[in-house]
């Protein structure tokens, strides 16, 4: 079975917004709450959850970060054509 990851993310328009949110996460704020309040992606309503996905299902920059990330870690900001993402790697299989 090919490798898959389960991720959540927060999508914002600017690098500054993404860096500000990373700082808030480092200070202990909850990822899911920040996703609900700030994410421009429809997944924000569910705390940013994207569920399981395999290679070839996401844009290359996002996919690379998600697959190289460590389980339980938050990565970002990652720039794509959609904006800046903060990615939380929930699980890998």
PDB file of N, CA and C in Angstrom:
ATOM      1  N   UNK A   1       0.848  -1.192   0.000  1.00  0.00           N
ATOM      2  CA  UNK A   1       0.000   0.000   0.000  1.00  0.00           C
ATOM      3  C   UNK A   1       0.886   1.246   0.000  1.00  0.00           C
ATOM      4  N   UNK A   2       0.614   2.206  -0.882  1.00  0.00           N
ATOM      5  CA  UNK A   2       1.438   3.415  -0.920  1.00  0.00           C
ATOM      6  C   UNK A   2       1.300   4.239   0.359  1.00  0.00           C
ATOM      7  N   UNK A   3       2.341   4.988   0.655  1.00  0.00           N
ATOM      8  CA  UNK A   3       2.348   5.823   1.860  1.00  0.00           C
ATOM      9  C   UNK A   3       1.240   6.876   1.782  1.00  0.00           C
ATOM     10  N   UNK A   4       0.608   7.112   2.914  1.00  0.00           N
ATOM     11  CA  UNK A   4      -0.420   8.144   3.031  1.00  0.00           C
ATOM     12  C   UNK A   4      -0.167   8.967   4.284  1.00  0.00           C
ATOM     13  N   UNK A   5      -0.664  10.199   4.279  1.00  0.00           N
ATOM     14  CA  UNK A   5      -0.597  11.041   5.471  1.00  0.00           C
ATOM     15  C   UNK A   5      -1.984  11.575   5.771  1.00  0.00           C
ATOM     16  N   UNK A   6      -2.199  11.877   7.033  1.00  0.00           N
ATOM     17  CA  UNK A   6      -3.423  12.512   7.490  1.00  0.00           C
ATOM     18  C   UNK A   6      -2.998  13.867   8.036  1.00  0.00           C
ATOM     19  N   UNK A   7      -3.518  14.932   7.423  1.00  0.00           N
ATOM     20  CA  UNK A   7      -3.099  16.282   7.801  1.00  0.00           C
ATOM     21  C   UNK A   7      -4.287  17.197   8.054  1.00  0.00           C
ATOM     22  N   UNK A   8      -3.988  18.244   8.788  1.00  0.00           N
ATOM     23  CA  UNK A   8      -4.886  19.383   8.924  1.00  0.00           C
ATOM     24  C   UNK A   8      -4.090  20.584   8.461  1.00  0.00           C
ATOM     25  N   UNK A   9      -4.783  21.638   8.043  1.00  0.00           N
ATOM     26  CA  UNK A   9      -4.038  22.836   7.655  1.00  0.00           C
ATOM     27  C   UNK A   9      -4.847  24.098   7.906  1.00  0.00           C
ATOM     28  N   UNK A  10      -4.118  25.199   7.922  1.00  0.00           N
ATOM     29  CA  UNK A  10      -4.709  26.531   7.994  1.00  0.00           C
ATOM     30  C   UNK A  10      -4.180  27.259   6.764  1.00  0.00           C
ATOM     31  N   UNK A  11      -5.075  27.789   5.950  1.00  0.00           N
ATOM     32  CA  UNK A  11      -4.695  28.516   4.738  1.00  0.00           C
ATOM     33  C   UNK A  11      -4.980  30.000   4.932  1.00  0.00           C
ATOM     34  N   UNK A  12      -3.949  30.820   4.728  1.00  0.00           N
ATOM     35  CA  UNK A  12      -4.098  32.277   4.816  1.00  0.00           C
ATOM     36  C   UNK A  12      -3.473  32.914   3.578  1.00  0.00           C
ATOM     37  N   UNK A  13      -3.756  34.200   3.380  1.00  0.00           N
ATOM     38  CA  UNK A  13      -3.293  34.886   2.169  1.00  0.00           C
ATOM     39  C   UNK A  13      -1.840  35.340   2.226  1.00  0.00           C
ATOM     40  N   UNK A  14      -1.351  35.737   3.408  1.00  0.00           N
ATOM     41  CA  UNK A  14      -0.010  36.322   3.471  1.00  0.00           C
ATOM     42  C   UNK A  14       0.938  35.531   4.369  1.00  0.00           C
ATOM     43  N   UNK A  15       2.224  35.673   4.086  1.00  0.00           N
ATOM     44  CA  UNK A  15       3.248  35.030   4.903  1.00  0.00           C
ATOM     45  C   UNK A  15       3.221  35.584   6.329  1.00  0.00           C
ATOM     46  N   UNK A  16       2.942  36.891   6.468  1.00  0.00           N
ATOM     47  CA  UNK A  16       2.876  37.508   7.799  1.00  0.00           C
ATOM     48  C   UNK A  16       1.771  36.854   8.638  1.00  0.00           C
ATOM     49  N   UNK A  17       0.596  36.664   8.046  1.00  0.00           N
ATOM     50  CA  UNK A  17      -0.499  36.003   8.768  1.00  0.00           C
ATOM     51  C   UNK A  17      -0.065  34.610   9.218  1.00  0.00           C
ATOM     52  N   UNK A  18       0.582  33.868   8.307  1.00  0.00           N
ATOM     53  CA  UNK A  18       1.017  32.505   8.623  1.00  0.00           C
ATOM     54  C   UNK A  18       2.039  32.514   9.762  1.00  0.00           C
ATOM     55  N   UNK A  19       2.990  33.433   9.720  1.00  0.00           N
ATOM     56  CA  UNK A  19       4.007  33.506  10.777  1.00  0.00           C
ATOM     57  C   UNK A  19       3.382  33.903  12.115  1.00  0.00           C
ATOM     58  N   UNK A  20       2.410  34.803  12.071  1.00  0.00           N
ATOM     59  CA  UNK A  20       1.709  35.198  13.303  1.00  0.00           C
ATOM     60  C   UNK A  20       0.982  33.999  13.910  1.00  0.00           C
ATOM     61  N   UNK A  21       0.333  33.199  13.063  1.00  0.00           N
ATOM     62  CA  UNK A  21      -0.376  32.013  13.554  1.00  0.00           C
ATOM     63  C   UNK A  21       0.601  30.965  14.086  1.00  0.00           C
ATOM     64  N   UNK A  22       1.750  30.802  13.433  1.00  0.00           N
ATOM     65  CA  UNK A  22       2.782  29.873  13.931  1.00  0.00           C
ATOM     66  C   UNK A  22       3.225  30.284  15.340  1.00  0.00           C
ATOM     67  N   UNK A  23       3.384  31.583  15.558  1.00  0.00           N
ATOM     68  CA  UNK A  23       3.784  32.085  16.878  1.00  0.00           C
ATOM     69  C   UNK A  23       2.696  31.803  17.910  1.00  0.00           C
ATOM     70  N   UNK A  24       1.444  31.967  17.518  1.00  0.00           N
ATOM     71  CA  UNK A  24       0.333  31.690  18.430  1.00  0.00           C
ATOM     72  C   UNK A  24       0.267  30.204  18.780  1.00  0.00           C
ATOM     73  N   UNK A  25       0.552  29.347  17.781  1.00  0.00           N
ATOM     74  CA  UNK A  25       0.593  27.903  18.048  1.00  0.00           C
ATOM     75  C   UNK A  25       1.730  27.570  19.005  1.00  0.00           C
ATOM     76  N   UNK A  26       2.883  28.181  18.796  1.00  0.00           N
ATOM     77  CA  UNK A  26       4.042  27.947  19.668  1.00  0.00           C
ATOM     78  C   UNK A  26       3.760  28.402  21.098  1.00  0.00           C
ATOM     79  N   UNK A  27       2.886  29.400  21.235  1.00  0.00           N
ATOM     80  CA  UNK A  27       2.516  29.905  22.558  1.00  0.00           C
ATOM     81  C   UNK A  27       1.438  29.056  23.226  1.00  0.00           C
ATOM     82  N   UNK A  28       0.948  28.018  22.501  1.00  0.00           N
ATOM     83  CA  UNK A  28       0.008  27.093  23.129  1.00  0.00           C
ATOM     84  C   UNK A  28      -1.429  27.155  22.646  1.00  0.00           C
ATOM     85  N   UNK A  29      -1.733  28.031  21.687  1.00  0.00           N
ATOM     86  CA  UNK A  29      -3.114  28.067  21.188  1.00  0.00           C
ATOM     87  C   UNK A  29      -3.412  26.789  20.407  1.00  0.00           C
ATOM     88  N   UNK A  30      -4.670  26.403  20.367  1.00  0.00           N
ATOM     89  CA  UNK A  30      -5.093  25.162  19.729  1.00  0.00           C
ATOM     90  C   UNK A  30      -5.198  25.319  18.204  1.00  0.00           C
ATOM     91  N   UNK A  31      -4.595  24.368  17.488  1.00  0.00           N
ATOM     92  CA  UNK A  31      -4.590  24.376  16.021  1.00  0.00           C
ATOM     93  C   UNK A  31      -6.011  24.448  15.461  1.00  0.00           C
ATOM     94  N   UNK A  32      -6.889  23.604  15.965  1.00  0.00           N
ATOM     95  CA  UNK A  32      -8.250  23.508  15.441  1.00  0.00           C
ATOM     96  C   UNK A  32      -9.012  24.822  15.596  1.00  0.00           C
ATOM     97  N   UNK A  33      -8.819  25.489  16.735  1.00  0.00           N
ATOM     98  CA  UNK A  33      -9.507  26.765  16.977  1.00  0.00           C
ATOM     99  C   UNK A  33      -9.006  27.841  16.023  1.00  0.00           C
ATOM    100  N   UNK A  34      -7.683  27.895  15.813  1.00  0.00           N
ATOM    101  CA  UNK A  34      -7.125  28.881  14.888  1.00  0.00           C
ATOM    102  C   UNK A  34      -7.581  28.600  13.459  1.00  0.00           C
ATOM    103  N   UNK A  35      -7.680  27.320  13.095  1.00  0.00           N
ATOM    104  CA  UNK A  35      -8.161  26.963  11.753  1.00  0.00           C
ATOM    105  C   UNK A  35      -9.597  27.446  11.560  1.00  0.00           C
ATOM    106  N   UNK A  36     -10.446  27.225  12.551  1.00  0.00           N
ATOM    107  CA  UNK A  36     -11.846  27.634  12.444  1.00  0.00           C
ATOM    108  C   UNK A  36     -11.972  29.145  12.273  1.00  0.00           C
ATOM    109  N   UNK A  37     -11.105  29.911  12.964  1.00  0.00           N
ATOM    110  CA  UNK A  37     -11.197  31.373  12.938  1.00  0.00           C
ATOM    111  C   UNK A  37     -10.501  32.005  11.739  1.00  0.00           C
ATOM    112  N   UNK A  38      -9.409  31.393  11.259  1.00  0.00           N
ATOM    113  CA  UNK A  38      -8.557  32.093  10.290  1.00  0.00           C
ATOM    114  C   UNK A  38      -8.405  31.449   8.917  1.00  0.00           C
ATOM    115  N   UNK A  39      -8.680  30.161   8.772  1.00  0.00           N
ATOM    116  CA  UNK A  39      -8.407  29.483   7.501  1.00  0.00           C
ATOM    117  C   UNK A  39      -9.359  29.938   6.402  1.00  0.00           C
ATOM    118  N   UNK A  40      -8.797  30.166   5.214  1.00  0.00           N
ATOM    119  CA  UNK A  40      -9.585  30.557   4.040  1.00  0.00           C
ATOM    120  C   UNK A  40     -10.094  29.330   3.274  1.00  0.00           C
ATOM    121  N   UNK A  41      -9.712  28.150   3.724  1.00  0.00           N
ATOM    122  CA  UNK A  41     -10.134  26.902   3.090  1.00  0.00           C
ATOM    123  C   UNK A  41     -11.431  26.408   3.756  1.00  0.00           C
ATOM    124  N   UNK A  42     -12.339  25.812   2.982  1.00  0.00           N
ATOM    125  CA  UNK A  42     -13.559  25.256   3.587  1.00  0.00           C
ATOM    126  C   UNK A  42     -13.280  24.251   4.715  1.00  0.00           C
ATOM    127  N   UNK A  43     -12.110  23.603   4.682  1.00  0.00           N
ATOM    128  CA  UNK A  43     -11.760  22.647   5.738  1.00  0.00           C
ATOM    129  C   UNK A  43     -11.610  23.327   7.103  1.00  0.00           C
ATOM    130  N   UNK A  44     -11.457  24.645   7.104  1.00  0.00           N
ATOM    131  CA  UNK A  44     -11.332  25.381   8.365  1.00  0.00           C
ATOM    132  C   UNK A  44     -12.508  25.146   9.296  1.00  0.00           C
ATOM    133  N   UNK A  45     -13.689  24.985   8.711  1.00  0.00           N
ATOM    134  CA  UNK A  45     -14.897  24.753   9.518  1.00  0.00           C
ATOM    135  C   UNK A  45     -14.785  23.503  10.376  1.00  0.00           C
ATOM    136  N   UNK A  46     -13.999  22.522   9.900  1.00  0.00           N
ATOM    137  CA  UNK A  46     -13.819  21.282  10.660  1.00  0.00           C
ATOM    138  C   UNK A  46     -12.428  21.235  11.311  1.00  0.00           C
ATOM    139  N   UNK A  47     -11.924  22.394  11.696  1.00  0.00           N
ATOM    140  CA  UNK A  47     -10.632  22.451  12.373  1.00  0.00           C
ATOM    141  C   UNK A  47      -9.445  22.261  11.443  1.00  0.00           C
ATOM    142  N   UNK A  48      -9.686  22.367  10.141  1.00  0.00           N
ATOM    143  CA  UNK A  48      -8.613  22.266   9.160  1.00  0.00           C
ATOM    144  C   UNK A  48      -8.344  20.860   8.651  1.00  0.00           C
ATOM    145  N   UNK A  49      -9.120  19.884   9.090  1.00  0.00           N
ATOM    146  CA  UNK A  49      -8.859  18.490   8.736  1.00  0.00           C
ATOM    147  C   UNK A  49      -9.012  18.220   7.239  1.00  0.00           C
ATOM    148  N   UNK A  50      -7.990  17.593   6.661  1.00  0.00           N
ATOM    149  CA  UNK A  50      -8.021  17.183   5.258  1.00  0.00           C
ATOM    150  C   UNK A  50      -8.159  15.672   5.122  1.00  0.00           C
ATOM    151  N   UNK A  51      -8.066  14.955   6.236  1.00  0.00           N
ATOM    152  CA  UNK A  51      -8.167  13.502   6.205  1.00  0.00           C
ATOM    153  C   UNK A  51      -6.932  12.869   5.587  1.00  0.00           C
ATOM    154  N   UNK A  52      -7.085  11.631   5.120  1.00  0.00           N
ATOM    155  CA  UNK A  52      -5.980  10.867   4.527  1.00  0.00           C
ATOM    156  C   UNK A  52      -5.835  11.189   3.048  1.00  0.00           C
ATOM    157  N   UNK A  53      -4.596  11.273   2.582  1.00  0.00           N
ATOM    158  CA  UNK A  53      -4.337  11.415   1.153  1.00  0.00           C
ATOM    159  C   UNK A  53      -2.995  10.814   0.797  1.00  0.00           C
ATOM    160  N   UNK A  54      -2.885  10.431  -0.469  1.00  0.00           N
ATOM    161  CA  UNK A  54      -1.650   9.858  -0.980  1.00  0.00           C
ATOM    162  C   UNK A  54      -0.940  10.823  -1.903  1.00  0.00           C
ATOM    163  N   UNK A  55       0.176  10.380  -2.446  1.00  0.00           N
ATOM    164  CA  UNK A  55       0.950  11.213  -3.366  1.00  0.00           C
ATOM    165  C   UNK A  55       0.140  11.468  -4.630  1.00  0.00           C
ATOM    166  N   UNK A  56       0.273  12.704  -5.142  1.00  0.00           N
ATOM    167  CA  UNK A  56      -0.413  13.084  -6.361  1.00  0.00           C
ATOM    168  C   UNK A  56      -1.782  13.700  -6.140  1.00  0.00           C
ATOM    169  N   UNK A  57      -2.206  13.827  -4.888  1.00  0.00           N
ATOM    170  CA  UNK A  57      -3.541  14.363  -4.616  1.00  0.00           C
ATOM    171  C   UNK A  57      -3.528  15.833  -4.199  1.00  0.00           C
ATOM    172  N   UNK A  58      -2.370  16.357  -3.839  1.00  0.00           N
ATOM    173  CA  UNK A  58      -2.241  17.755  -3.409  1.00  0.00           C
ATOM    174  C   UNK A  58      -1.222  18.452  -4.307  1.00  0.00           C
ATOM    175  N   UNK A  59      -1.215  19.796  -4.263  1.00  0.00           N
ATOM    176  CA  UNK A  59      -0.218  20.526  -5.049  1.00  0.00           C
ATOM    177  C   UNK A  59       1.177  20.151  -4.540  1.00  0.00           C
ATOM    178  N   UNK A  60       2.190  20.160  -5.422  1.00  0.00           N
ATOM    179  CA  UNK A  60       3.523  19.640  -5.069  1.00  0.00           C
ATOM    180  C   UNK A  60       4.159  20.207  -3.799  1.00  0.00           C
ATOM    181  N   UNK A  61       4.077  21.515  -3.592  1.00  0.00           N
ATOM    182  CA  UNK A  61       4.715  22.122  -2.415  1.00  0.00           C
ATOM    183  C   UNK A  61       4.079  21.613  -1.120  1.00  0.00           C
ATOM    184  N   UNK A  62       2.751  21.521  -1.130  1.00  0.00           N
ATOM    185  CA  UNK A  62       2.015  21.054   0.033  1.00  0.00           C
ATOM    186  C   UNK A  62       2.335  19.581   0.290  1.00  0.00           C
ATOM    187  N   UNK A  63       2.273  18.793  -0.772  1.00  0.00           N
ATOM    188  CA  UNK A  63       2.528  17.355  -0.666  1.00  0.00           C
ATOM    189  C   UNK A  63       3.928  17.068  -0.114  1.00  0.00           C
ATOM    190  N   UNK A  64       4.928  17.773  -0.634  1.00  0.00           N
ATOM    191  CA  UNK A  64       6.314  17.562  -0.196  1.00  0.00           C
ATOM    192  C   UNK A  64       6.432  17.817   1.311  1.00  0.00           C
ATOM    193  N   UNK A  65       5.881  18.941   1.773  1.00  0.00           N
ATOM    194  CA  UNK A  65       5.954  19.281   3.197  1.00  0.00           C
ATOM    195  C   UNK A  65       5.212  18.250   4.050  1.00  0.00           C
ATOM    196  N   UNK A  66       4.028  17.844   3.601  1.00  0.00           N
ATOM    197  CA  UNK A  66       3.215  16.900   4.366  1.00  0.00           C
ATOM    198  C   UNK A  66       3.892  15.535   4.490  1.00  0.00           C
ATOM    199  N   UNK A  67       4.460  15.047   3.402  1.00  0.00           N
ATOM    200  CA  UNK A  67       5.091  13.724   3.426  1.00  0.00           C
ATOM    201  C   UNK A  67       6.444  13.733   4.133  1.00  0.00           C
ATOM    202  N   UNK A  68       7.128  14.867   4.136  1.00  0.00           N
ATOM    203  CA  UNK A  68       8.413  14.948   4.824  1.00  0.00           C
ATOM    204  C   UNK A  68       8.257  15.307   6.296  1.00  0.00           C
ATOM    205  N   UNK A  69       7.079  15.785   6.668  1.00  0.00           N
ATOM    206  CA  UNK A  69       6.828  16.191   8.047  1.00  0.00           C
ATOM    207  C   UNK A  69       6.791  15.011   9.002  1.00  0.00           C
ATOM    208  N   UNK A  70       7.024  15.332  10.261  1.00  0.00           N
ATOM    209  CA  UNK A  70       7.017  14.334  11.317  1.00  0.00           C
ATOM    210  C   UNK A  70       5.631  14.279  11.956  1.00  0.00           C
ATOM    211  N   UNK A  71       5.160  13.081  12.262  1.00  0.00           N
ATOM    212  CA  UNK A  71       3.860  12.911  12.913  1.00  0.00           C
ATOM    213  C   UNK A  71       3.795  13.750  14.185  1.00  0.00           C
ATOM    214  N   UNK A  72       2.704  14.513  14.319  1.00  0.00           N
ATOM    215  CA  UNK A  72       2.496  15.334  15.495  1.00  0.00           C
ATOM    216  C   UNK A  72       3.103  16.730  15.403  1.00  0.00           C
ATOM    217  N   UNK A  73       3.844  17.001  14.336  1.00  0.00           N
ATOM    218  CA  UNK A  73       4.511  18.301  14.194  1.00  0.00           C
ATOM    219  C   UNK A  73       3.699  19.252  13.319  1.00  0.00           C
ATOM    220  N   UNK A  74       3.948  20.553  13.526  1.00  0.00           N
ATOM    221  CA  UNK A  74       3.332  21.592  12.707  1.00  0.00           C
ATOM    222  C   UNK A  74       4.426  22.199  11.830  1.00  0.00           C
ATOM    223  N   UNK A  75       4.135  22.320  10.533  1.00  0.00           N
ATOM    224  CA  UNK A  75       5.089  22.799   9.543  1.00  0.00           C
ATOM    225  C   UNK A  75       4.553  24.083   8.913  1.00  0.00           C
ATOM    226  N   UNK A  76       5.443  25.002   8.615  1.00  0.00           N
ATOM    227  CA  UNK A  76       4.988  26.167   7.873  1.00  0.00           C
ATOM    228  C   UNK A  76       5.808  27.401   8.148  1.00  0.00           C
ATOM    229  N   UNK A  77       5.484  28.450   7.430  1.00  0.00           N
ATOM    230  CA  UNK A  77       4.513  28.494   6.346  1.00  0.00           C
ATOM    231  C   UNK A  77       5.027  27.832   5.065  1.00  0.00           C
ATOM    232  N   UNK A  78       4.095  27.207   4.337  1.00  0.00           N
ATOM    233  CA  UNK A  78       4.391  26.571   3.054  1.00  0.00           C
ATOM    234  C   UNK A  78       3.601  27.340   1.994  1.00  0.00           C
ATOM    235  N   UNK A  79       4.321  27.933   1.028  1.00  0.00           N
ATOM    236  CA  UNK A  79       3.668  28.736  -0.010  1.00  0.00           C
ATOM    237  C   UNK A  79       3.230  27.854  -1.180  1.00  0.00           C
ATOM    238  N   UNK A  80       1.975  28.040  -1.607  1.00  0.00           N
ATOM    239  CA  UNK A  80       1.454  27.376  -2.809  1.00  0.00           C
ATOM    240  C   UNK A  80       0.696  28.424  -3.617  1.00  0.00           C
ATOM    241  N   UNK A  81       0.121  27.993  -4.730  1.00  0.00           N
ATOM    242  CA  UNK A  81      -0.674  28.897  -5.565  1.00  0.00           C
ATOM    243  C   UNK A  81      -1.905  29.424  -4.825  1.00  0.00           C
ATOM    244  N   UNK A  82      -2.310  28.768  -3.737  1.00  0.00           N
ATOM    245  CA  UNK A  82      -3.506  29.152  -2.994  1.00  0.00           C
ATOM    246  C   UNK A  82      -3.225  30.156  -1.875  1.00  0.00           C
ATOM    247  N   UNK A  83      -1.965  30.253  -1.457  1.00  0.00           N
ATOM    248  CA  UNK A  83      -1.603  31.126  -0.356  1.00  0.00           C
ATOM    249  C   UNK A  83      -0.554  30.454   0.511  1.00  0.00           C
ATOM    250  N   UNK A  84      -0.617  30.703   1.814  1.00  0.00           N
ATOM    251  CA  UNK A  84       0.350  30.152   2.764  1.00  0.00           C
ATOM    252  C   UNK A  84      -0.351  29.173   3.695  1.00  0.00           C
ATOM    253  N   UNK A  85       0.238  28.016   3.820  1.00  0.00           N
ATOM    254  CA  UNK A  85      -0.356  26.944   4.642  1.00  0.00           C
ATOM    255  C   UNK A  85       0.477  26.696   5.891  1.00  0.00           C
ATOM    256  N   UNK A  86      -0.232  26.416   6.962  1.00  0.00           N
ATOM    257  CA  UNK A  86       0.370  25.847   8.161  1.00  0.00           C
ATOM    258  C   UNK A  86      -0.185  24.434   8.199  1.00  0.00           C
ATOM    259  N   UNK A  87       0.699  23.463   8.218  1.00  0.00           N
ATOM    260  CA  UNK A  87       0.293  22.054   8.090  1.00  0.00           C
ATOM    261  C   UNK A  87       0.601  21.302   9.371  1.00  0.00           C
ATOM    262  N   UNK A  88      -0.380  20.586   9.873  1.00  0.00           N
ATOM    263  CA  UNK A  88      -0.198  19.721  11.029  1.00  0.00           C
ATOM    264  C   UNK A  88      -0.293  18.275  10.542  1.00  0.00           C
ATOM    265  N   UNK A  89       0.781  17.509  10.757  1.00  0.00           N
ATOM    266  CA  UNK A  89       0.808  16.100  10.356  1.00  0.00           C
ATOM    267  C   UNK A  89       0.180  15.293  11.495  1.00  0.00           C
ATOM    268  N   UNK A  90      -1.037  14.805  11.276  1.00  0.00           N
ATOM    269  CA  UNK A  90      -1.758  14.057  12.322  1.00  0.00           C
ATOM    270  C   UNK A  90      -1.308  12.609  12.418  1.00  0.00           C
ATOM    271  N   UNK A  91      -1.060  11.983  11.272  1.00  0.00           N
ATOM    272  CA  UNK A  91      -0.694  10.564  11.262  1.00  0.00           C
ATOM    273  C   UNK A  91      -0.096  10.204   9.904  1.00  0.00           C
ATOM    274  N   UNK A  92       0.568   9.065   9.862  1.00  0.00           N
ATOM    275  CA  UNK A  92       1.173   8.541   8.628  1.00  0.00           C
ATOM    276  C   UNK A  92       0.968   7.037   8.576  1.00  0.00           C
ATOM    277  N   UNK A  93       0.781   6.513   7.358  1.00  0.00           N
ATOM    278  CA  UNK A  93       0.704   5.056   7.207  1.00  0.00           C
ATOM    279  C   UNK A  93       1.225   4.651   5.851  1.00  0.00           C
TER     280      UNK A  93
END
